[in-house]
């Protein structure tokens, strides 16, 4: 199943909250404005259509990137979880 990283930069705090709530309905948050969506192209398209209805295209920025099926996964910097804690919320397809 395909996986997508969706990120956004929303200029208005009220729109930002609305977009964040809507994104939480479709995908798993990795950071406040970065989400992981594992699903079909149709699921991605539905998510982006919902977000497009909430933003102002001239002021806000939403980007979606398809992750390669067998791409490199790594992390640089401080771990987000304490040593020994594993987040099992990631779908098996990418964990």
PDB file of N, CA and C in Angstrom:
ATOM      1  N   UNK A   1       0.851  -1.180   0.000  1.00  0.00           N
ATOM      2  CA  UNK A   1       0.000   0.000   0.000  1.00  0.00           C
ATOM      3  C   UNK A   1       0.893   1.239   0.000  1.00  0.00           C
ATOM      4  N   UNK A   2       0.585   2.207  -0.851  1.00  0.00           N
ATOM      5  CA  UNK A   2       1.424   3.405  -0.925  1.00  0.00           C
ATOM      6  C   UNK A   2       1.396   4.217   0.364  1.00  0.00           C
ATOM      7  N   UNK A   3       2.475   4.949   0.592  1.00  0.00           N
ATOM      8  CA  UNK A   3       2.576   5.845   1.743  1.00  0.00           C
ATOM      9  C   UNK A   3       2.949   7.238   1.245  1.00  0.00           C
ATOM     10  N   UNK A   4       2.403   8.246   1.906  1.00  0.00           N
ATOM     11  CA  UNK A   4       2.610   9.633   1.505  1.00  0.00           C
ATOM     12  C   UNK A   4       2.975  10.456   2.732  1.00  0.00           C
ATOM     13  N   UNK A   5       3.868  11.418   2.548  1.00  0.00           N
ATOM     14  CA  UNK A   5       4.157  12.407   3.578  1.00  0.00           C
ATOM     15  C   UNK A   5       3.482  13.694   3.132  1.00  0.00           C
ATOM     16  N   UNK A   6       2.664  14.236   4.012  1.00  0.00           N
ATOM     17  CA  UNK A   6       1.950  15.478   3.715  1.00  0.00           C
ATOM     18  C   UNK A   6       2.359  16.502   4.759  1.00  0.00           C
ATOM     19  N   UNK A   7       2.773  17.661   4.284  1.00  0.00           N
ATOM     20  CA  UNK A   7       3.165  18.746   5.181  1.00  0.00           C
ATOM     21  C   UNK A   7       2.470  20.028   4.777  1.00  0.00           C
ATOM     22  N   UNK A   8       2.349  20.939   5.720  1.00  0.00           N
ATOM     23  CA  UNK A   8       1.682  22.193   5.399  1.00  0.00           C
ATOM     24  C   UNK A   8       2.275  23.343   6.194  1.00  0.00           C
ATOM     25  N   UNK A   9       2.087  24.538   5.645  1.00  0.00           N
ATOM     26  CA  UNK A   9       2.432  25.800   6.302  1.00  0.00           C
ATOM     27  C   UNK A   9       1.225  26.704   6.102  1.00  0.00           C
ATOM     28  N   UNK A  10       0.492  26.915   7.168  1.00  0.00           N
ATOM     29  CA  UNK A  10      -0.764  27.674   7.113  1.00  0.00           C
ATOM     30  C   UNK A  10      -0.547  28.995   7.839  1.00  0.00           C
ATOM     31  N   UNK A  11      -0.870  30.107   7.181  1.00  0.00           N
ATOM     32  CA  UNK A  11      -0.544  31.426   7.726  1.00  0.00           C
ATOM     33  C   UNK A  11      -1.503  31.914   8.813  1.00  0.00           C
ATOM     34  N   UNK A  12      -2.727  31.451   8.824  1.00  0.00           N
ATOM     35  CA  UNK A  12      -3.727  31.919   9.787  1.00  0.00           C
ATOM     36  C   UNK A  12      -3.925  30.882  10.894  1.00  0.00           C
ATOM     37  N   UNK A  13      -3.817  31.284  12.174  1.00  0.00           N
ATOM     38  CA  UNK A  13      -3.953  30.312  13.273  1.00  0.00           C
ATOM     39  C   UNK A  13      -5.279  29.544  13.275  1.00  0.00           C
ATOM     40  N   UNK A  14      -6.353  30.186  12.907  1.00  0.00           N
ATOM     41  CA  UNK A  14      -7.663  29.508  12.885  1.00  0.00           C
ATOM     42  C   UNK A  14      -7.709  28.442  11.786  1.00  0.00           C
ATOM     43  N   UNK A  15      -7.218  28.797  10.605  1.00  0.00           N
ATOM     44  CA  UNK A  15      -7.146  27.804   9.524  1.00  0.00           C
ATOM     45  C   UNK A  15      -6.175  26.689   9.882  1.00  0.00           C
ATOM     46  N   UNK A  16      -5.085  27.038  10.534  1.00  0.00           N
ATOM     47  CA  UNK A  16      -4.101  26.036  10.948  1.00  0.00           C
ATOM     48  C   UNK A  16      -4.743  24.974  11.829  1.00  0.00           C
ATOM     49  N   UNK A  17      -5.546  25.379  12.789  1.00  0.00           N
ATOM     50  CA  UNK A  17      -6.230  24.417  13.668  1.00  0.00           C
ATOM     51  C   UNK A  17      -7.199  23.550  12.877  1.00  0.00           C
ATOM     52  N   UNK A  18      -7.928  24.148  11.954  1.00  0.00           N
ATOM     53  CA  UNK A  18      -8.886  23.379  11.151  1.00  0.00           C
ATOM     54  C   UNK A  18      -8.171  22.349  10.275  1.00  0.00           C
ATOM     55  N   UNK A  19      -7.077  22.776   9.655  1.00  0.00           N
ATOM     56  CA  UNK A  19      -6.322  21.856   8.801  1.00  0.00           C
ATOM     57  C   UNK A  19      -5.736  20.727   9.639  1.00  0.00           C
ATOM     58  N   UNK A  20      -5.198  21.055  10.810  1.00  0.00           N
ATOM     59  CA  UNK A  20      -4.619  20.019  11.675  1.00  0.00           C
ATOM     60  C   UNK A  20      -5.683  18.990  12.087  1.00  0.00           C
ATOM     61  N   UNK A  21      -6.849  19.457  12.485  1.00  0.00           N
ATOM     62  CA  UNK A  21      -7.932  18.528  12.865  1.00  0.00           C
ATOM     63  C   UNK A  21      -8.331  17.637  11.688  1.00  0.00           C
ATOM     64  N   UNK A  22      -8.431  18.223  10.515  1.00  0.00           N
ATOM     65  CA  UNK A  22      -8.814  17.435   9.339  1.00  0.00           C
ATOM     66  C   UNK A  22      -7.724  16.425   8.987  1.00  0.00           C
ATOM     67  N   UNK A  23      -6.477  16.830   9.062  1.00  0.00           N
ATOM     68  CA  UNK A  23      -5.380  15.906   8.755  1.00  0.00           C
ATOM     69  C   UNK A  23      -5.361  14.734   9.731  1.00  0.00           C
ATOM     70  N   UNK A  24      -5.672  14.975  10.980  1.00  0.00           N
ATOM     71  CA  UNK A  24      -5.705  13.890  11.979  1.00  0.00           C
ATOM     72  C   UNK A  24      -6.780  12.857  11.643  1.00  0.00           C
ATOM     73  N   UNK A  25      -7.791  13.238  10.892  1.00  0.00           N
ATOM     74  CA  UNK A  25      -8.836  12.292  10.468  1.00  0.00           C
ATOM     75  C   UNK A  25      -8.332  11.345   9.384  1.00  0.00           C
ATOM     76  N   UNK A  26      -7.298  11.762   8.638  1.00  0.00           N
ATOM     77  CA  UNK A  26      -6.838  11.006   7.478  1.00  0.00           C
ATOM     78  C   UNK A  26      -5.489  10.321   7.674  1.00  0.00           C
ATOM     79  N   UNK A  27      -4.637  10.878   8.526  1.00  0.00           N
ATOM     80  CA  UNK A  27      -3.250  10.422   8.580  1.00  0.00           C
ATOM     81  C   UNK A  27      -2.713  10.494  10.004  1.00  0.00           C
ATOM     82  N   UNK A  28      -1.531   9.914  10.197  1.00  0.00           N
ATOM     83  CA  UNK A  28      -0.865   9.911  11.512  1.00  0.00           C
ATOM     84  C   UNK A  28       0.125  11.064  11.587  1.00  0.00           C
ATOM     85  N   UNK A  29       0.045  11.886  12.630  1.00  0.00           N
ATOM     86  CA  UNK A  29       1.000  12.999  12.740  1.00  0.00           C
ATOM     87  C   UNK A  29       2.389  12.493  13.110  1.00  0.00           C
ATOM     88  N   UNK A  30       3.384  12.989  12.388  1.00  0.00           N
ATOM     89  CA  UNK A  30       4.777  12.722  12.727  1.00  0.00           C
ATOM     90  C   UNK A  30       5.345  13.902  13.499  1.00  0.00           C
ATOM     91  N   UNK A  31       4.967  15.080  13.100  1.00  0.00           N
ATOM     92  CA  UNK A  31       5.245  16.348  13.771  1.00  0.00           C
ATOM     93  C   UNK A  31       3.941  17.124  13.693  1.00  0.00           C
ATOM     94  N   UNK A  32       3.919  18.360  14.218  1.00  0.00           N
ATOM     95  CA  UNK A  32       2.646  19.081  14.223  1.00  0.00           C
ATOM     96  C   UNK A  32       2.104  19.290  12.809  1.00  0.00           C
ATOM     97  N   UNK A  33       2.962  19.617  11.850  1.00  0.00           N
ATOM     98  CA  UNK A  33       2.458  19.890  10.508  1.00  0.00           C
ATOM     99  C   UNK A  33       2.985  18.908   9.458  1.00  0.00           C
ATOM    100  N   UNK A  34       3.450  17.757   9.893  1.00  0.00           N
ATOM    101  CA  UNK A  34       3.924  16.702   8.994  1.00  0.00           C
ATOM    102  C   UNK A  34       3.163  15.419   9.324  1.00  0.00           C
ATOM    103  N   UNK A  35       2.542  14.824   8.310  1.00  0.00           N
ATOM    104  CA  UNK A  35       1.698  13.646   8.519  1.00  0.00           C
ATOM    105  C   UNK A  35       2.105  12.513   7.595  1.00  0.00           C
ATOM    106  N   UNK A  36       1.836  11.300   8.043  1.00  0.00           N
ATOM    107  CA  UNK A  36       2.052  10.097   7.255  1.00  0.00           C
ATOM    108  C   UNK A  36       0.691   9.511   6.918  1.00  0.00           C
ATOM    109  N   UNK A  37       0.408   9.392   5.633  1.00  0.00           N
ATOM    110  CA  UNK A  37      -0.837   8.790   5.182  1.00  0.00           C
ATOM    111  C   UNK A  37      -0.477   7.498   4.456  1.00  0.00           C
ATOM    112  N   UNK A  38      -0.952   6.392   4.948  1.00  0.00           N
ATOM    113  CA  UNK A  38      -0.769   5.100   4.289  1.00  0.00           C
ATOM    114  C   UNK A  38      -2.127   4.694   3.751  1.00  0.00           C
ATOM    115  N   UNK A  39      -2.239   4.649   2.439  1.00  0.00           N
ATOM    116  CA  UNK A  39      -3.518   4.328   1.814  1.00  0.00           C
ATOM    117  C   UNK A  39      -3.409   4.446   0.312  1.00  0.00           C
ATOM    118  N   UNK A  40      -4.515   4.307  -0.321  1.00  0.00           N
ATOM    119  CA  UNK A  40      -4.560   4.337  -1.780  1.00  0.00           C
ATOM    120  C   UNK A  40      -4.402   5.769  -2.304  1.00  0.00           C
ATOM    121  N   UNK A  41      -4.194   5.867  -3.607  1.00  0.00           N
ATOM    122  CA  UNK A  41      -4.165   7.192  -4.232  1.00  0.00           C
ATOM    123  C   UNK A  41      -5.506   7.901  -4.026  1.00  0.00           C
ATOM    124  N   UNK A  42      -6.581   7.140  -4.030  1.00  0.00           N
ATOM    125  CA  UNK A  42      -7.895   7.724  -3.790  1.00  0.00           C
ATOM    126  C   UNK A  42      -8.014   8.327  -2.397  1.00  0.00           C
ATOM    127  N   UNK A  43      -7.465   7.635  -1.393  1.00  0.00           N
ATOM    128  CA  UNK A  43      -7.484   8.158  -0.020  1.00  0.00           C
ATOM    129  C   UNK A  43      -6.671   9.445   0.067  1.00  0.00           C
ATOM    130  N   UNK A  44      -5.523   9.457  -0.616  1.00  0.00           N
ATOM    131  CA  UNK A  44      -4.691  10.669  -0.643  1.00  0.00           C
ATOM    132  C   UNK A  44      -5.437  11.810  -1.321  1.00  0.00           C
ATOM    133  N   UNK A  45      -6.082  11.513  -2.438  1.00  0.00           N
ATOM    134  CA  UNK A  45      -6.823  12.541  -3.170  1.00  0.00           C
ATOM    135  C   UNK A  45      -7.982  13.099  -2.341  1.00  0.00           C
ATOM    136  N   UNK A  46      -8.687  12.227  -1.626  1.00  0.00           N
ATOM    137  CA  UNK A  46      -9.786  12.691  -0.748  1.00  0.00           C
ATOM    138  C   UNK A  46      -9.246  13.599   0.352  1.00  0.00           C
ATOM    139  N   UNK A  47      -8.140  13.199   0.951  1.00  0.00           N
ATOM    140  CA  UNK A  47      -7.529  14.003   2.012  1.00  0.00           C
ATOM    141  C   UNK A  47      -7.150  15.385   1.486  1.00  0.00           C
ATOM    142  N   UNK A  48      -6.460  15.416   0.367  1.00  0.00           N
ATOM    143  CA  UNK A  48      -6.021  16.700  -0.192  1.00  0.00           C
ATOM    144  C   UNK A  48      -7.198  17.561  -0.636  1.00  0.00           C
ATOM    145  N   UNK A  49      -8.268  16.949  -1.107  1.00  0.00           N
ATOM    146  CA  UNK A  49      -9.463  17.715  -1.485  1.00  0.00           C
ATOM    147  C   UNK A  49     -10.093  18.366  -0.248  1.00  0.00           C
ATOM    148  N   UNK A  50     -10.155  17.623   0.847  1.00  0.00           N
ATOM    149  CA  UNK A  50     -10.699  18.182   2.100  1.00  0.00           C
ATOM    150  C   UNK A  50      -9.840  19.360   2.573  1.00  0.00           C
ATOM    151  N   UNK A  51      -8.526  19.205   2.486  1.00  0.00           N
ATOM    152  CA  UNK A  51      -7.617  20.268   2.927  1.00  0.00           C
ATOM    153  C   UNK A  51      -7.730  21.478   1.998  1.00  0.00           C
ATOM    154  N   UNK A  52      -7.832  21.234   0.692  1.00  0.00           N
ATOM    155  CA  UNK A  52      -7.944  22.337  -0.272  1.00  0.00           C
ATOM    156  C   UNK A  52      -9.155  23.215   0.017  1.00  0.00           C
ATOM    157  N   UNK A  53     -10.223  22.627   0.533  1.00  0.00           N
ATOM    158  CA  UNK A  53     -11.434  23.393   0.857  1.00  0.00           C
ATOM    159  C   UNK A  53     -11.233  24.277   2.090  1.00  0.00           C
ATOM    160  N   UNK A  54     -10.196  23.997   2.895  1.00  0.00           N
ATOM    161  CA  UNK A  54      -9.978  24.735   4.147  1.00  0.00           C
ATOM    162  C   UNK A  54      -8.935  25.839   4.033  1.00  0.00           C
ATOM    163  N   UNK A  55      -8.086  25.781   3.019  1.00  0.00           N
ATOM    164  CA  UNK A  55      -6.966  26.719   2.954  1.00  0.00           C
ATOM    165  C   UNK A  55      -7.237  27.858   1.985  1.00  0.00           C
ATOM    166  N   UNK A  56      -6.368  28.865   2.047  1.00  0.00           N
ATOM    167  CA  UNK A  56      -6.323  29.936   1.050  1.00  0.00           C
ATOM    168  C   UNK A  56      -5.049  29.702   0.250  1.00  0.00           C
ATOM    169  N   UNK A  57      -5.223  29.319  -1.000  1.00  0.00           N
ATOM    170  CA  UNK A  57      -4.087  28.920  -1.835  1.00  0.00           C
ATOM    171  C   UNK A  57      -3.045  30.022  -1.994  1.00  0.00           C
ATOM    172  N   UNK A  58      -3.455  31.273  -1.955  1.00  0.00           N
ATOM    173  CA  UNK A  58      -2.511  32.381  -2.122  1.00  0.00           C
ATOM    174  C   UNK A  58      -1.655  32.603  -0.868  1.00  0.00           C
ATOM    175  N   UNK A  59      -2.112  32.107   0.287  1.00  0.00           N
ATOM    176  CA  UNK A  59      -1.412  32.355   1.552  1.00  0.00           C
ATOM    177  C   UNK A  59      -0.817  31.107   2.182  1.00  0.00           C
ATOM    178  N   UNK A  60      -1.367  29.954   1.884  1.00  0.00           N
ATOM    179  CA  UNK A  60      -0.971  28.710   2.557  1.00  0.00           C
ATOM    180  C   UNK A  60      -0.249  27.779   1.588  1.00  0.00           C
ATOM    181  N   UNK A  61       0.481  26.829   2.145  1.00  0.00           N
ATOM    182  CA  UNK A  61       1.242  25.876   1.341  1.00  0.00           C
ATOM    183  C   UNK A  61       1.003  24.473   1.878  1.00  0.00           C
ATOM    184  N   UNK A  62       0.568  23.569   1.013  1.00  0.00           N
ATOM    185  CA  UNK A  62       0.368  22.157   1.363  1.00  0.00           C
ATOM    186  C   UNK A  62       1.132  21.344   0.332  1.00  0.00           C
ATOM    187  N   UNK A  63       1.939  20.385   0.810  1.00  0.00           N
ATOM    188  CA  UNK A  63       2.729  19.550  -0.095  1.00  0.00           C
ATOM    189  C   UNK A  63       2.555  18.087   0.261  1.00  0.00           C
ATOM    190  N   UNK A  64       2.569  17.255  -0.772  1.00  0.00           N
ATOM    191  CA  UNK A  64       2.408  15.815  -0.604  1.00  0.00           C
ATOM    192  C   UNK A  64       3.491  15.110  -1.391  1.00  0.00           C
ATOM    193  N   UNK A  65       4.187  14.186  -0.730  1.00  0.00           N
ATOM    194  CA  UNK A  65       5.262  13.430  -1.368  1.00  0.00           C
ATOM    195  C   UNK A  65       4.977  11.940  -1.218  1.00  0.00           C
ATOM    196  N   UNK A  66       5.115  11.212  -2.313  1.00  0.00           N
ATOM    197  CA  UNK A  66       4.963   9.761  -2.280  1.00  0.00           C
ATOM    198  C   UNK A  66       6.273   9.157  -1.781  1.00  0.00           C
ATOM    199  N   UNK A  67       6.179   8.270  -0.798  1.00  0.00           N
ATOM    200  CA  UNK A  67       7.370   7.577  -0.299  1.00  0.00           C
ATOM    201  C   UNK A  67       7.639   6.356  -1.177  1.00  0.00           C
ATOM    202  N   UNK A  68       8.902   6.099  -1.490  1.00  0.00           N
ATOM    203  CA  UNK A  68       9.201   4.895  -2.268  1.00  0.00           C
ATOM    204  C   UNK A  68       8.895   3.649  -1.451  1.00  0.00           C
ATOM    205  N   UNK A  69       8.447   2.620  -2.132  1.00  0.00           N
ATOM    206  CA  UNK A  69       8.033   1.395  -1.446  1.00  0.00           C
ATOM    207  C   UNK A  69       9.170   0.774  -0.632  1.00  0.00           C
ATOM    208  N   UNK A  70      10.388   0.820  -1.130  1.00  0.00           N
ATOM    209  CA  UNK A  70      11.501   0.219  -0.418  1.00  0.00           C
ATOM    210  C   UNK A  70      12.614   1.237  -0.212  1.00  0.00           C
ATOM    211  N   UNK A  71      12.231   2.467   0.086  1.00  0.00           N
ATOM    212  CA  UNK A  71      13.204   3.538   0.259  1.00  0.00           C
ATOM    213  C   UNK A  71      13.917   3.488   1.595  1.00  0.00           C
ATOM    214  N   UNK A  72      14.990   4.232   1.694  1.00  0.00           N
ATOM    215  CA  UNK A  72      15.754   4.351   2.938  1.00  0.00           C
ATOM    216  C   UNK A  72      14.947   5.106   3.975  1.00  0.00           C
ATOM    217  N   UNK A  73      14.962   4.618   5.210  1.00  0.00           N
ATOM    218  CA  UNK A  73      14.316   5.306   6.319  1.00  0.00           C
ATOM    219  C   UNK A  73      15.360   5.548   7.388  1.00  0.00           C
ATOM    220  N   UNK A  74      15.513   6.762   7.792  1.00  0.00           N
ATOM    221  CA  UNK A  74      16.490   7.084   8.827  1.00  0.00           C
ATOM    222  C   UNK A  74      16.052   8.319   9.592  1.00  0.00           C
ATOM    223  N   UNK A  75      16.776   8.612  10.634  1.00  0.00           N
ATOM    224  CA  UNK A  75      16.449   9.769  11.468  1.00  0.00           C
ATOM    225  C   UNK A  75      17.754  10.433  11.864  1.00  0.00           C
ATOM    226  N   UNK A  76      17.747  11.735  11.884  1.00  0.00           N
ATOM    227  CA  UNK A  76      18.887  12.511  12.323  1.00  0.00           C
ATOM    228  C   UNK A  76      18.406  13.379  13.479  1.00  0.00           C
ATOM    229  N   UNK A  77      19.181  13.448  14.526  1.00  0.00           N
ATOM    230  CA  UNK A  77      18.816  14.297  15.653  1.00  0.00           C
ATOM    231  C   UNK A  77      18.304  13.496  16.836  1.00  0.00           C
ATOM    232  N   UNK A  78      17.788  14.211  17.782  1.00  0.00           N
ATOM    233  CA  UNK A  78      17.301  13.626  19.017  1.00  0.00           C
ATOM    234  C   UNK A  78      16.086  12.747  18.772  1.00  0.00           C
ATOM    235  N   UNK A  79      16.043  11.613  19.432  1.00  0.00           N
ATOM    236  CA  UNK A  79      14.897  10.706  19.302  1.00  0.00           C
ATOM    237  C   UNK A  79      13.660  11.350  19.912  1.00  0.00           C
ATOM    238  N   UNK A  80      12.524  11.123  19.275  1.00  0.00           N
ATOM    239  CA  UNK A  80      11.281  11.703  19.787  1.00  0.00           C
ATOM    240  C   UNK A  80      10.705  10.906  20.951  1.00  0.00           C
ATOM    241  N   UNK A  81      11.109   9.642  21.087  1.00  0.00           N
ATOM    242  CA  UNK A  81      10.653   8.792  22.182  1.00  0.00           C
ATOM    243  C   UNK A  81      11.855   8.348  23.014  1.00  0.00           C
ATOM    244  N   UNK A  82      11.653   8.092  24.302  1.00  0.00           N
ATOM    245  CA  UNK A  82      12.760   7.636  25.140  1.00  0.00           C
ATOM    246  C   UNK A  82      13.326   6.295  24.655  1.00  0.00           C
ATOM    247  N   UNK A  83      14.576   6.035  24.981  1.00  0.00           N
ATOM    248  CA  UNK A  83      15.246   4.789  24.613  1.00  0.00           C
ATOM    249  C   UNK A  83      14.414   3.592  25.056  1.00  0.00           C
ATOM    250  N   UNK A  84      14.244   2.634  24.177  1.00  0.00           N
ATOM    251  CA  UNK A  84      13.505   1.416  24.505  1.00  0.00           C
ATOM    252  C   UNK A  84      12.018   1.482  24.228  1.00  0.00           C
ATOM    253  N   UNK A  85      11.496   2.660  23.909  1.00  0.00           N
ATOM    254  CA  UNK A  85      10.072   2.808  23.598  1.00  0.00           C
ATOM    255  C   UNK A  85       9.924   2.783  22.075  1.00  0.00           C
ATOM    256  N   UNK A  86       9.045   1.926  21.577  1.00  0.00           N
ATOM    257  CA  UNK A  86       8.817   1.798  20.140  1.00  0.00           C
ATOM    258  C   UNK A  86       7.373   2.165  19.855  1.00  0.00           C
ATOM    259  N   UNK A  87       7.187   3.061  18.899  1.00  0.00           N
ATOM    260  CA  UNK A  87       5.831   3.462  18.502  1.00  0.00           C
ATOM    261  C   UNK A  87       5.293   2.415  17.549  1.00  0.00           C
ATOM    262  N   UNK A  88       4.229   1.738  17.941  1.00  0.00           N
ATOM    263  CA  UNK A  88       3.649   0.696  17.123  1.00  0.00           C
ATOM    264  C   UNK A  88       2.489   1.217  16.277  1.00  0.00           C
ATOM    265  N   UNK A  89       2.289   2.520  16.265  1.00  0.00           N
ATOM    266  CA  UNK A  89       1.212   3.099  15.476  1.00  0.00           C
ATOM    267  C   UNK A  89       1.516   3.137  13.990  1.00  0.00           C
ATOM    268  N   UNK A  90       2.781   2.922  13.612  1.00  0.00           N
ATOM    269  CA  UNK A  90       3.104   2.925  12.189  1.00  0.00           C
ATOM    270  C   UNK A  90       2.564   1.677  11.527  1.00  0.00           C
ATOM    271  N   UNK A  91       2.000   1.814  10.355  1.00  0.00           N
ATOM    272  CA  UNK A  91       1.517   0.640   9.638  1.00  0.00           C
ATOM    273  C   UNK A  91       2.661  -0.307   9.323  1.00  0.00           C
ATOM    274  N   UNK A  92       2.366  -1.580   9.289  1.00  0.00           N
ATOM    275  CA  UNK A  92       3.376  -2.615   9.052  1.00  0.00           C
ATOM    276  C   UNK A  92       4.067  -2.409   7.709  1.00  0.00           C
ATOM    277  N   UNK A  93       3.403  -1.772   6.771  1.00  0.00           N
ATOM    278  CA  UNK A  93       3.970  -1.588   5.443  1.00  0.00           C
ATOM    279  C   UNK A  93       5.225  -0.740   5.455  1.00  0.00           C
ATOM    280  N   UNK A  94       5.386   0.142   6.456  1.00  0.00           N
ATOM    281  CA  UNK A  94       6.558   1.023   6.452  1.00  0.00           C
ATOM    282  C   UNK A  94       7.384   0.936   7.713  1.00  0.00           C
ATOM    283  N   UNK A  95       6.993   0.142   8.682  1.00  0.00           N
ATOM    284  CA  UNK A  95       7.746   0.089   9.935  1.00  0.00           C
ATOM    285  C   UNK A  95       8.902  -0.862   9.864  1.00  0.00           C
TER     286      UNK A  95
END
